[in-house]
Amino acid sequence: MKLLRFGQVGQEKPGLLDEEGNIRDLSGHIDEIDGNFLSGDQFAKVRNLDASSLPKVEDGTRIAEPVAGVGKFICVGLNYADHAQESGMDVPPEPVLFMKATSAISGPYDQVELPPESKKSDWEVELGVVIGKEAKYVSEADAMDYVAGFCLINDLSEREYQLEKAGQWVKGKSCDTFGPTGPYLVTPDEVGDFNNLNVWLELNGERVQDGSTETMVYKVPFLVHYISQFMSLQPGDIISTGTPPGVGLGMKPPKFLQEGDVMRLGIDNLGEQRQEVIRYSK
């Protein structure tokens, strides 16, 4: 099942994608796709709906981020050995965790807005994991029981803010629009082997990231288990699991986003995103 949200900012409605690729309106059956929905009985009931009986959404309607009211946006750093190498860093002996402000979350086709003084904004295509029920001190063996589905994420980063200013990475990760998410929340049964998904990103038509989740250092079940040892994971929380090589920081010389650039990115079975880059102005 591919769940999504559609509509203008502040007016989003829940929906799903039918087998023909049409968006169907779920608002007659559920109020929202959020933590309460994912952890409740309605999640299972939606699976049994006849999608063809639902109202069809007009083509061209804005697609929003697939989960509303995300409580925590947790990211894993340096989780691909080849990306750690291009960043000049060692593979960590345990997962590197940091938070991304939930106010960074935006729709998969919304514009990405560079901060006024940004000179080193960068791209990162990542596999996202959406939590479906509270996970607290869970085992690796049971971890997937707590996952509602997967999504595509562009974990944008302002490298100067992240690496050259004092403090933690969160400053370089949390700018508004720096977390495009979606287009879909895809249930695990439709994702297939999440340990072997192609992950890619194009900048202005040039393929710059081309990897696979097969090379992740710490896999999804371990990450859910590991993170749950330090904080409870709540329904609707998102874990962004790291990026393969090909980011601008690792290029020689480094290359960063400019106004007018266009990013297109995707992961097998999770859909694609496209963002035009603009610069913030009052």
C-alpha atoms as a PDB file:
ATOM      1  CA  MET A   1       0.000   0.000   0.000  1.00  0.00           C
ATOM      2  CA  LYS A   2       1.202   3.486  -0.892  1.00  0.00           C
ATOM      3  CA  LEU A   3      -0.239   6.156   1.379  1.00  0.00           C
ATOM      4  CA  LEU A   4       0.143   9.872   0.723  1.00  0.00           C
ATOM      5  CA  ARG A   5      -1.187  13.313   1.533  1.00  0.00           C
ATOM      6  CA  PHE A   6      -2.298  15.867  -1.021  1.00  0.00           C
ATOM      7  CA  GLY A   7      -3.460  19.488  -1.168  1.00  0.00           C
ATOM      8  CA  GLN A   8      -2.088  22.932  -0.554  1.00  0.00           C
ATOM      9  CA  VAL A   9      -0.071  23.691   2.576  1.00  0.00           C
ATOM     10  CA  GLY A  10      -2.382  23.679   5.579  1.00  0.00           C
ATOM     11  CA  GLN A  11      -5.196  22.007   3.619  1.00  0.00           C
ATOM     12  CA  GLU A  12      -3.761  18.522   3.087  1.00  0.00           C
ATOM     13  CA  LYS A  13      -5.985  15.438   2.932  1.00  0.00           C
ATOM     14  CA  PRO A  14      -5.104  11.748   3.245  1.00  0.00           C
ATOM     15  CA  GLY A  15      -4.969   9.574   0.168  1.00  0.00           C
ATOM     16  CA  LEU A  16      -3.546   6.472  -1.411  1.00  0.00           C
ATOM     17  CA  LEU A  17      -2.157   5.463  -4.780  1.00  0.00           C
ATOM     18  CA  ASP A  18      -4.181   2.847  -6.644  1.00  0.00           C
ATOM     19  CA  GLU A  19      -2.757   0.134  -8.894  1.00  0.00           C
ATOM     20  CA  GLU A  20      -3.133   2.340 -11.978  1.00  0.00           C
ATOM     21  CA  GLY A  21      -1.160   5.176 -10.419  1.00  0.00           C
ATOM     22  CA  ASN A  22      -4.171   7.333  -9.613  1.00  0.00           C
ATOM     23  CA  ILE A  23      -4.409   9.254  -6.346  1.00  0.00           C
ATOM     24  CA  ARG A  24      -7.544   8.379  -4.385  1.00  0.00           C
ATOM     25  CA  ASP A  25      -9.086  10.487  -1.623  1.00  0.00           C
ATOM     26  CA  LEU A  26      -9.241   8.775   1.790  1.00  0.00           C
ATOM     27  CA  SER A  27     -10.744  11.734   3.671  1.00  0.00           C
ATOM     28  CA  GLY A  28     -14.174  10.086   3.733  1.00  0.00           C
ATOM     29  CA  HIS A  29     -12.707   7.264   5.813  1.00  0.00           C
ATOM     30  CA  ILE A  30      -9.868   8.744   7.891  1.00  0.00           C
ATOM     31  CA  ASP A  31      -8.978  12.189   9.169  1.00  0.00           C
ATOM     32  CA  GLU A  32      -5.219  12.152   8.676  1.00  0.00           C
ATOM     33  CA  ILE A  33      -2.135  10.019   8.110  1.00  0.00           C
ATOM     34  CA  ASP A  34      -0.322  10.550  11.393  1.00  0.00           C
ATOM     35  CA  GLY A  35       0.866   8.642  14.431  1.00  0.00           C
ATOM     36  CA  ASN A  36      -2.640   7.997  15.714  1.00  0.00           C
ATOM     37  CA  PHE A  37      -3.675   6.510  12.382  1.00  0.00           C
ATOM     38  CA  LEU A  38      -0.550   4.384  11.995  1.00  0.00           C
ATOM     39  CA  SER A  39      -0.874   2.863  15.471  1.00  0.00           C
ATOM     40  CA  GLY A  40      -4.635   2.302  15.393  1.00  0.00           C
ATOM     41  CA  ASP A  41      -7.224   0.008  13.851  1.00  0.00           C
ATOM     42  CA  GLN A  42      -7.865   2.313  10.893  1.00  0.00           C
ATOM     43  CA  PHE A  43      -4.487   1.461   9.357  1.00  0.00           C
ATOM     44  CA  ALA A  44      -5.543  -2.152   8.887  1.00  0.00           C
ATOM     45  CA  LYS A  45      -9.042  -1.168   7.718  1.00  0.00           C
ATOM     46  CA  VAL A  46      -7.672   1.053   4.935  1.00  0.00           C
ATOM     47  CA  ARG A  47      -5.850  -1.973   3.518  1.00  0.00           C
ATOM     48  CA  ASN A  48      -9.212  -3.637   2.905  1.00  0.00           C
ATOM     49  CA  LEU A  49     -10.817  -0.720   1.063  1.00  0.00           C
ATOM     50  CA  ASP A  50     -11.607  -1.000  -2.634  1.00  0.00           C
ATOM     51  CA  ALA A  51      -9.406   1.793  -3.978  1.00  0.00           C
ATOM     52  CA  SER A  52     -11.482   2.108  -7.142  1.00  0.00           C
ATOM     53  CA  SER A  53     -14.479   3.120  -5.014  1.00  0.00           C
ATOM     54  CA  LEU A  54     -12.661   6.155  -3.606  1.00  0.00           C
ATOM     55  CA  PRO A  55     -12.892   9.596  -5.248  1.00  0.00           C
ATOM     56  CA  LYS A  56     -10.127  10.236  -7.762  1.00  0.00           C
ATOM     57  CA  VAL A  57      -7.953  13.290  -7.078  1.00  0.00           C
ATOM     58  CA  GLU A  58      -7.418  15.749  -9.912  1.00  0.00           C
ATOM     59  CA  ASP A  59      -4.118  15.429 -11.765  1.00  0.00           C
ATOM     60  CA  GLY A  60      -1.630  18.162 -10.889  1.00  0.00           C
ATOM     61  CA  THR A  61      -2.717  18.420  -7.251  1.00  0.00           C
ATOM     62  CA  ARG A  62       0.183  19.151  -4.900  1.00  0.00           C
ATOM     63  CA  ILE A  63       1.628  16.103  -3.118  1.00  0.00           C
ATOM     64  CA  ALA A  64       2.593  16.803   0.500  1.00  0.00           C
ATOM     65  CA  GLU A  65       4.827  14.937   2.914  1.00  0.00           C
ATOM     66  CA  PRO A  66       3.163  11.561   3.617  1.00  0.00           C
ATOM     67  CA  VAL A  67       3.064  11.753   7.434  1.00  0.00           C
ATOM     68  CA  ALA A  68       1.571  14.638   9.407  1.00  0.00           C
ATOM     69  CA  GLY A  69       2.624  15.716  12.876  1.00  0.00           C
ATOM     70  CA  VAL A  70       6.003  13.974  12.927  1.00  0.00           C
ATOM     71  CA  GLY A  71       7.271  14.039  16.495  1.00  0.00           C
ATOM     72  CA  LYS A  72      10.931  13.144  15.937  1.00  0.00           C
ATOM     73  CA  PHE A  73      13.059  13.309  12.794  1.00  0.00           C
ATOM     74  CA  ILE A  74      16.121  11.214  13.659  1.00  0.00           C
ATOM     75  CA  CYS A  75      19.056  10.937  11.270  1.00  0.00           C
ATOM     76  CA  VAL A  76      21.949   8.500  11.035  1.00  0.00           C
ATOM     77  CA  GLY A  77      25.295   9.919   9.917  1.00  0.00           C
ATOM     78  CA  LEU A  78      28.078   8.229   7.954  1.00  0.00           C
ATOM     79  CA  ASN A  79      26.073   5.021   7.517  1.00  0.00           C
ATOM     80  CA  TYR A  80      27.591   4.128   4.136  1.00  0.00           C
ATOM     81  CA  ALA A  81      31.294   3.257   4.290  1.00  0.00           C
ATOM     82  CA  ASP A  82      32.015   4.867   0.907  1.00  0.00           C
ATOM     83  CA  HIS A  83      30.271   8.083   1.939  1.00  0.00           C
ATOM     84  CA  ALA A  84      32.305   8.232   5.149  1.00  0.00           C
ATOM     85  CA  GLN A  85      35.435   7.863   3.031  1.00  0.00           C
ATOM     86  CA  GLU A  86      34.486  10.712   0.675  1.00  0.00           C
ATOM     87  CA  SER A  87      33.743  12.883   3.734  1.00  0.00           C
ATOM     88  CA  GLY A  88      37.214  12.171   5.134  1.00  0.00           C
ATOM     89  CA  MET A  89      35.784  10.449   8.200  1.00  0.00           C
ATOM     90  CA  ASP A  90      36.079   6.970   9.668  1.00  0.00           C
ATOM     91  CA  VAL A  91      33.194   4.521   9.711  1.00  0.00           C
ATOM     92  CA  PRO A  92      31.800   4.972  13.227  1.00  0.00           C
ATOM     93  CA  PRO A  93      31.974   2.043  15.669  1.00  0.00           C
ATOM     94  CA  GLU A  94      28.319   2.727  16.549  1.00  0.00           C
ATOM     95  CA  PRO A  95      25.637   4.650  14.636  1.00  0.00           C
ATOM     96  CA  VAL A  96      26.038   8.433  14.691  1.00  0.00           C
ATOM     97  CA  LEU A  97      22.676   9.955  15.616  1.00  0.00           C
ATOM     98  CA  PHE A  98      21.480  13.523  15.269  1.00  0.00           C
ATOM     99  CA  MET A  99      18.136  15.284  15.077  1.00  0.00           C
ATOM    100  CA  LYS A 100      16.686  17.273  12.207  1.00  0.00           C
ATOM    101  CA  ALA A 101      14.017  19.828  13.122  1.00  0.00           C
ATOM    102  CA  THR A 102      10.558  18.701  12.036  1.00  0.00           C
ATOM    103  CA  SER A 103       9.984  22.219  10.674  1.00  0.00           C
ATOM    104  CA  ALA A 104      12.436  21.243   7.898  1.00  0.00           C
ATOM    105  CA  ILE A 105       9.941  18.714   6.495  1.00  0.00           C
ATOM    106  CA  SER A 106       8.387  19.644   3.156  1.00  0.00           C
ATOM    107  CA  GLY A 107       6.659  17.979   0.239  1.00  0.00           C
ATOM    108  CA  PRO A 108       8.573  15.927  -2.341  1.00  0.00           C
ATOM    109  CA  TYR A 109       8.063  18.440  -5.145  1.00  0.00           C
ATOM    110  CA  ASP A 110       8.154  21.671  -3.119  1.00  0.00           C
ATOM    111  CA  GLN A 111      10.916  24.179  -3.767  1.00  0.00           C
ATOM    112  CA  VAL A 112      14.076  23.947  -1.669  1.00  0.00           C
ATOM    113  CA  GLU A 113      14.920  27.302  -0.144  1.00  0.00           C
ATOM    114  CA  LEU A 114      18.569  28.215   0.473  1.00  0.00           C
ATOM    115  CA  PRO A 115      19.182  30.357   3.581  1.00  0.00           C
ATOM    116  CA  PRO A 116      20.110  33.970   2.671  1.00  0.00           C
ATOM    117  CA  GLU A 117      23.825  33.537   3.498  1.00  0.00           C
ATOM    118  CA  SER A 118      24.200  29.886   2.517  1.00  0.00           C
ATOM    119  CA  LYS A 119      27.207  29.032   0.356  1.00  0.00           C
ATOM    120  CA  LYS A 120      27.560  25.294   1.033  1.00  0.00           C
ATOM    121  CA  SER A 121      24.124  23.665   0.844  1.00  0.00           C
ATOM    122  CA  ASP A 122      24.277  20.017  -0.214  1.00  0.00           C
ATOM    123  CA  TRP A 123      22.037  17.096  -1.192  1.00  0.00           C
ATOM    124  CA  GLU A 124      21.645  13.626   0.378  1.00  0.00           C
ATOM    125  CA  VAL A 125      19.197  10.994  -0.881  1.00  0.00           C
ATOM    126  CA  GLU A 126      18.182   8.652   1.951  1.00  0.00           C
ATOM    127  CA  LEU A 127      15.886   5.792   2.884  1.00  0.00           C
ATOM    128  CA  GLY A 128      13.390   6.848   5.549  1.00  0.00           C
ATOM    129  CA  VAL A 129      11.784   4.518   8.097  1.00  0.00           C
ATOM    130  CA  VAL A 130       8.378   5.424   9.569  1.00  0.00           C
ATOM    131  CA  ILE A 131       7.539   4.058  13.019  1.00  0.00           C
ATOM    132  CA  GLY A 132       4.105   2.485  13.475  1.00  0.00           C
ATOM    133  CA  LYS A 133       3.920   1.802  17.207  1.00  0.00           C
ATOM    134  CA  GLU A 134       5.884   2.731  20.299  1.00  0.00           C
ATOM    135  CA  ALA A 135       9.316   1.117  20.305  1.00  0.00           C
ATOM    136  CA  LYS A 136      11.174   1.118  23.598  1.00  0.00           C
ATOM    137  CA  TYR A 137      14.162  -1.139  24.291  1.00  0.00           C
ATOM    138  CA  VAL A 138      13.172  -3.433  21.418  1.00  0.00           C
ATOM    139  CA  SER A 139      15.351  -6.270  20.165  1.00  0.00           C
ATOM    140  CA  GLU A 140      16.839  -6.329  16.685  1.00  0.00           C
ATOM    141  CA  ALA A 141      14.877  -9.505  15.968  1.00  0.00           C
ATOM    142  CA  ASP A 142      11.564  -7.783  16.749  1.00  0.00           C
ATOM    143  CA  ALA A 143      12.401  -4.359  15.317  1.00  0.00           C
ATOM    144  CA  MET A 144      10.466  -4.653  12.048  1.00  0.00           C
ATOM    145  CA  ASP A 145       7.255  -5.223  14.008  1.00  0.00           C
ATOM    146  CA  TYR A 146       7.445  -1.515  14.892  1.00  0.00           C
ATOM    147  CA  VAL A 147       7.886  -0.219  11.328  1.00  0.00           C
ATOM    148  CA  ALA A 148       4.816   1.080   9.491  1.00  0.00           C
ATOM    149  CA  GLY A 149       6.648   1.656   6.231  1.00  0.00           C
ATOM    150  CA  PHE A 150       9.357   3.407   4.280  1.00  0.00           C
ATOM    151  CA  CYS A 151       9.709   6.697   2.437  1.00  0.00           C
ATOM    152  CA  LEU A 152      12.149   8.680   0.320  1.00  0.00           C
ATOM    153  CA  ILE A 153      13.995  11.609   1.947  1.00  0.00           C
ATOM    154  CA  ASN A 154      16.337  14.320   0.711  1.00  0.00           C
ATOM    155  CA  ASP A 155      18.385  15.113   3.833  1.00  0.00           C
ATOM    156  CA  LEU A 156      19.681  18.504   2.724  1.00  0.00           C
ATOM    157  CA  SER A 157      22.636  19.896   4.635  1.00  0.00           C
ATOM    158  CA  GLU A 158      24.305  23.296   4.911  1.00  0.00           C
ATOM    159  CA  ARG A 159      27.905  22.162   5.329  1.00  0.00           C
ATOM    160  CA  GLU A 160      29.285  25.417   6.733  1.00  0.00           C
ATOM    161  CA  TYR A 161      26.608  25.464   9.421  1.00  0.00           C
ATOM    162  CA  GLN A 162      27.059  21.728  10.046  1.00  0.00           C
ATOM    163  CA  LEU A 163      30.849  21.434  10.147  1.00  0.00           C
ATOM    164  CA  GLU A 164      32.464  24.861  10.473  1.00  0.00           C
ATOM    165  CA  LYS A 165      30.373  26.476  13.178  1.00  0.00           C
ATOM    166  CA  ALA A 166      30.670  25.439  16.814  1.00  0.00           C
ATOM    167  CA  GLY A 167      28.165  22.948  18.140  1.00  0.00           C
ATOM    168  CA  GLN A 168      26.245  20.033  16.722  1.00  0.00           C
ATOM    169  CA  TRP A 169      25.239  18.988  13.192  1.00  0.00           C
ATOM    170  CA  VAL A 170      21.604  19.935  13.772  1.00  0.00           C
ATOM    171  CA  LYS A 171      22.277  23.563  12.753  1.00  0.00           C
ATOM    172  CA  GLY A 172      23.262  22.511   9.265  1.00  0.00           C
ATOM    173  CA  LYS A 173      20.413  20.047   8.884  1.00  0.00           C
ATOM    174  CA  SER A 174      17.340  21.931  10.050  1.00  0.00           C
ATOM    175  CA  CYS A 175      16.838  24.854   7.673  1.00  0.00           C
ATOM    176  CA  ASP A 176      13.265  25.216   6.434  1.00  0.00           C
ATOM    177  CA  THR A 177      12.579  22.963   3.386  1.00  0.00           C
ATOM    178  CA  PHE A 178      15.706  20.872   4.100  1.00  0.00           C
ATOM    179  CA  GLY A 179      13.682  17.670   4.624  1.00  0.00           C
ATOM    180  CA  PRO A 180      11.627  16.857   1.503  1.00  0.00           C
ATOM    181  CA  THR A 181       9.799  13.623   2.315  1.00  0.00           C
ATOM    182  CA  GLY A 182       7.663  11.289   0.216  1.00  0.00           C
ATOM    183  CA  PRO A 183       5.828  11.122  -2.095  1.00  0.00           C
ATOM    184  CA  TYR A 184       4.574   7.973  -0.387  1.00  0.00           C
ATOM    185  CA  LEU A 185       4.639   6.019   2.822  1.00  0.00           C
ATOM    186  CA  VAL A 186       5.057   2.522   1.401  1.00  0.00           C
ATOM    187  CA  THR A 187       4.202  -0.473   3.550  1.00  0.00           C
ATOM    188  CA  PRO A 188       6.966  -3.080   3.916  1.00  0.00           C
ATOM    189  CA  ASP A 189       5.135  -5.696   1.844  1.00  0.00           C
ATOM    190  CA  GLU A 190       5.396  -3.426  -1.229  1.00  0.00           C
ATOM    191  CA  VAL A 191       8.980  -2.327  -0.624  1.00  0.00           C
ATOM    192  CA  GLY A 192      10.462  -5.796  -0.914  1.00  0.00           C
ATOM    193  CA  ASP A 193      14.084  -6.295   0.124  1.00  0.00           C
ATOM    194  CA  PHE A 194      14.866  -3.006   1.842  1.00  0.00           C
ATOM    195  CA  ASN A 195      18.480  -4.166   2.195  1.00  0.00           C
ATOM    196  CA  ASN A 196      18.930  -4.073  -1.586  1.00  0.00           C
ATOM    197  CA  LEU A 197      17.284  -0.963  -3.019  1.00  0.00           C
ATOM    198  CA  ASN A 198      18.847   1.301  -5.635  1.00  0.00           C
ATOM    199  CA  VAL A 199      19.316   4.847  -4.296  1.00  0.00           C
ATOM    200  CA  TRP A 200      20.089   7.735  -6.670  1.00  0.00           C
ATOM    201  CA  LEU A 201      20.060  11.498  -7.112  1.00  0.00           C
ATOM    202  CA  GLU A 202      20.512  13.692 -10.183  1.00  0.00           C
ATOM    203  CA  LEU A 203      21.573  17.329 -10.162  1.00  0.00           C
ATOM    204  CA  ASN A 204      20.547  19.240 -13.286  1.00  0.00           C
ATOM    205  CA  GLY A 205      20.198  15.941 -15.137  1.00  0.00           C
ATOM    206  CA  GLU A 206      23.600  14.531 -14.070  1.00  0.00           C
ATOM    207  CA  ARG A 207      23.606  11.399 -11.920  1.00  0.00           C
ATOM    208  CA  VAL A 208      25.722  12.310  -8.880  1.00  0.00           C
ATOM    209  CA  GLN A 209      24.587   9.690  -6.353  1.00  0.00           C
ATOM    210  CA  ASP A 210      24.112   6.096  -7.449  1.00  0.00           C
ATOM    211  CA  GLY A 211      24.219   3.577  -4.623  1.00  0.00           C
ATOM    212  CA  SER A 212      22.366   0.785  -2.888  1.00  0.00           C
ATOM    213  CA  THR A 213      21.057   0.182   0.592  1.00  0.00           C
ATOM    214  CA  GLU A 214      23.079  -3.045   0.395  1.00  0.00           C
ATOM    215  CA  THR A 215      26.162  -1.028   1.418  1.00  0.00           C
ATOM    216  CA  MET A 216      24.608   0.467   4.547  1.00  0.00           C
ATOM    217  CA  VAL A 217      26.849  -0.192   7.546  1.00  0.00           C
ATOM    218  CA  TYR A 218      23.980  -0.458  10.046  1.00  0.00           C
ATOM    219  CA  LYS A 219      20.793  -1.974   8.632  1.00  0.00           C
ATOM    220  CA  VAL A 220      17.223  -0.911   9.374  1.00  0.00           C
ATOM    221  CA  PRO A 221      16.350  -3.504  12.078  1.00  0.00           C
ATOM    222  CA  PHE A 222      19.550  -2.742  13.967  1.00  0.00           C
ATOM    223  CA  LEU A 223      18.926   1.019  13.746  1.00  0.00           C
ATOM    224  CA  VAL A 224      15.392   0.722  15.144  1.00  0.00           C
ATOM    225  CA  HIS A 225      16.710  -1.508  17.942  1.00  0.00           C
ATOM    226  CA  TYR A 226      19.703   0.730  18.647  1.00  0.00           C
ATOM    227  CA  ILE A 227      17.824   4.042  18.708  1.00  0.00           C
ATOM    228  CA  SER A 228      15.152   2.551  20.977  1.00  0.00           C
ATOM    229  CA  GLN A 229      17.816   1.997  23.634  1.00  0.00           C
ATOM    230  CA  PHE A 230      18.272   5.787  23.972  1.00  0.00           C
ATOM    231  CA  MET A 231      14.755   7.127  23.404  1.00  0.00           C
ATOM    232  CA  SER A 232      11.313   5.716  22.830  1.00  0.00           C
ATOM    233  CA  LEU A 233      10.228   5.830  19.202  1.00  0.00           C
ATOM    234  CA  GLN A 234       6.649   6.992  18.762  1.00  0.00           C
ATOM    235  CA  PRO A 235       4.173   6.319  15.935  1.00  0.00           C
ATOM    236  CA  GLY A 236       4.865   8.711  13.092  1.00  0.00           C
ATOM    237  CA  ASP A 237       8.523   9.288  13.999  1.00  0.00           C
ATOM    238  CA  ILE A 238      10.907   9.111  11.036  1.00  0.00           C
ATOM    239  CA  ILE A 239      14.433   7.710  10.906  1.00  0.00           C
ATOM    240  CA  SER A 240      16.580   8.845   7.975  1.00  0.00           C
ATOM    241  CA  THR A 241      19.161   6.119   7.527  1.00  0.00           C
ATOM    242  CA  GLY A 242      22.129   7.798   5.798  1.00  0.00           C
ATOM    243  CA  THR A 243      23.295   8.530   2.269  1.00  0.00           C
ATOM    244  CA  PRO A 244      25.551   6.841  -0.294  1.00  0.00           C
ATOM    245  CA  PRO A 245      28.538   8.663  -1.856  1.00  0.00           C
ATOM    246  CA  GLY A 246      28.187  11.446  -4.392  1.00  0.00           C
ATOM    247  CA  VAL A 247      27.361  14.451  -2.227  1.00  0.00           C
ATOM    248  CA  GLY A 248      28.738  17.852  -3.164  1.00  0.00           C
ATOM    249  CA  LEU A 249      31.067  17.992  -0.170  1.00  0.00           C
ATOM    250  CA  GLY A 250      32.955  14.955  -1.449  1.00  0.00           C
ATOM    251  CA  MET A 251      33.565  16.287  -4.957  1.00  0.00           C
ATOM    252  CA  LYS A 252      36.952  17.667  -5.976  1.00  0.00           C
ATOM    253  CA  PRO A 253      36.546  20.579  -5.867  1.00  0.00           C
ATOM    254  CA  PRO A 254      33.398  20.570  -3.681  1.00  0.00           C
ATOM    255  CA  LYS A 255      30.177  21.539  -5.433  1.00  0.00           C
ATOM    256  CA  PHE A 256      27.168  23.050  -3.700  1.00  0.00           C
ATOM    257  CA  LEU A 257      23.615  24.001  -4.592  1.00  0.00           C
ATOM    258  CA  GLN A 258      22.918  27.202  -6.484  1.00  0.00           C
ATOM    259  CA  GLU A 259      19.706  29.070  -7.148  1.00  0.00           C
ATOM    260  CA  GLY A 260      18.029  27.535 -10.189  1.00  0.00           C
ATOM    261  CA  ASP A 261      19.440  24.030  -9.700  1.00  0.00           C
ATOM    262  CA  VAL A 262      17.051  21.093 -10.011  1.00  0.00           C
ATOM    263  CA  MET A 263      17.364  17.874  -8.013  1.00  0.00           C
ATOM    264  CA  ARG A 264      15.639  14.636  -8.967  1.00  0.00           C
ATOM    265  CA  LEU A 265      16.001  11.596  -6.713  1.00  0.00           C
ATOM    266  CA  GLY A 266      14.524   8.188  -6.109  1.00  0.00           C
ATOM    267  CA  ILE A 267      14.670   4.808  -4.422  1.00  0.00           C
ATOM    268  CA  ASP A 268      13.304   1.546  -5.825  1.00  0.00           C
ATOM    269  CA  ASN A 269       9.590   1.092  -5.026  1.00  0.00           C
ATOM    270  CA  LEU A 270       9.385   4.388  -3.094  1.00  0.00           C
ATOM    271  CA  GLY A 271       8.850   6.814  -5.965  1.00  0.00           C
ATOM    272  CA  GLU A 272      10.742   9.929  -6.979  1.00  0.00           C
ATOM    273  CA  GLN A 273      11.133  13.526  -5.855  1.00  0.00           C
ATOM    274  CA  ARG A 274      11.954  16.690  -7.785  1.00  0.00           C
ATOM    275  CA  GLN A 275      12.931  20.047  -6.275  1.00  0.00           C
ATOM    276  CA  GLU A 276      13.881  23.382  -7.769  1.00  0.00           C
ATOM    277  CA  VAL A 277      16.332  25.409  -5.686  1.00  0.00           C
ATOM    278  CA  ILE A 278      15.511  29.012  -4.798  1.00  0.00           C
ATOM    279  CA  ARG A 279      17.043  31.447  -2.333  1.00  0.00           C
ATOM    280  CA  TYR A 280      15.080  32.797   0.586  1.00  0.00           C
ATOM    281  CA  SER A 281      14.029  36.410   0.320  1.00  0.00           C
ATOM    282  CA  LYS A 282      11.634  38.363   2.508  1.00  0.00           C
END
